[in-house]
Amino acid sequence: MPSYQRALLIVNPVAGHARGLRLGQQLRESLEARGLVCSVRVTNGQGDARRWSSTAAADGFDLIAAIGGDGTVGEVVAGQARAEAKVPIAIVPVGTANVVSLALALPWLPGMAISNMLEGRVLPFDVGYLPHEDRHFFLMAALGFPARVIRDSPRRLKNLFGIFTYMGAALRNALSLDEVSIFIEDDTGVSREFEGNTILLSNVGKIGDINLKVTPDTSAHDGRFDVSVISSRSLWDLLAVLFRMLTWRYRPTQRLHHFQSKRVVITTEPPVAVQIDGEDLGHTPLTAEVIPGGVHLVVGGRYRENPDGGGFLKEFHVPWTAPRPARRWLPKGR
């Protein structure tokens, strides 16, 4: 059982309709009652959580509590990915979607969350890294259709309508799906060419509590991305792909391609939108690589590192065109 002495509580005061600050104070009181020395730091803007997380070990903390939504968690993870000395991160979800908490099977009730924070297992997780942008991500990078959905879901609407904002944006964009030419070079130098509208680089690909599995055999502990290319030419095609994800039925199809890689270089003609962990990041091209074990996280009791025991195929796709040199498609300077 972990034994902690000093905890750093990083609080986003506006997360969850301004519930973050109140929960942070409640958490501090509960942890101090159990003998921990706590320091509460409230974010004032982007970058605060990342900076405090990166220096947590040097500042003498042996536990970080991230109190906020997925954006706050992403910054805390990014800070720890840069740190040489790793400090376990415990997450207290108070955001709109809280996808990271769902993926880690974390409890939601305050009392259970505190117990899990102090007694839960700590596991190393891979982290995605974009070297040209010097940015990290934890869940996935999504290009094309999902990035357009994020772009069309502004904060003011999410504060009013929550997750329904994403649903409305997804429906609007699903009615105008456009395919582009996609070129992906993997870590072995092989270049694949597709036609599609969505590319997913999944680090965490399963959310067991809602029975969603984005890619087959995905693990955040194997040092590889799961790369998926989706070619959905209509709303019906998109629904069919989502059905495969929800029912975990992965078979070769013209609409869904999958492979794994430690590093990818992605270009498209024309450029498409890019987002990482729900944050807009411009357009393609994109280079991404995996940092194995880049962060340590406290997980819930139901979390399983490899829930399927390797039962899915490592790669499947329909025949694709002959490999082309990837650097032929790379813009100058990338």
Foldseek 3Di string as FASTA:
>chain_A
DDDFAEEEEEFAQPAQNRCGVVLSVVLCVVVVVVHHHYDYDYDDDPPPLLQCLLCQVVVPGQEYEQRHALSSVQSNLLNLLNHPDAHAYQYQYRHQPRQVQLLLVADHDSVSSSVLRRPFDKDFFKWKAFVVVRGIFGFKKKWFLLLQLLVQQDPVNCVVPRPVSSVVSSVVSQAPADWWWKWKQFPVQWIFIAIAGMKMFGLRADRPVQQFGLDPQHFRAPLKTKIKGFHQPHSVSVVVSRVCRSVVPDDADSGMWIAIHQKMWMDIVVWTWMDGSSHTDGTDGTIMGMDHSSHMYGGDPPHDRGVPVPPDDNTHYDDGDHTDRPVVRDDPPD
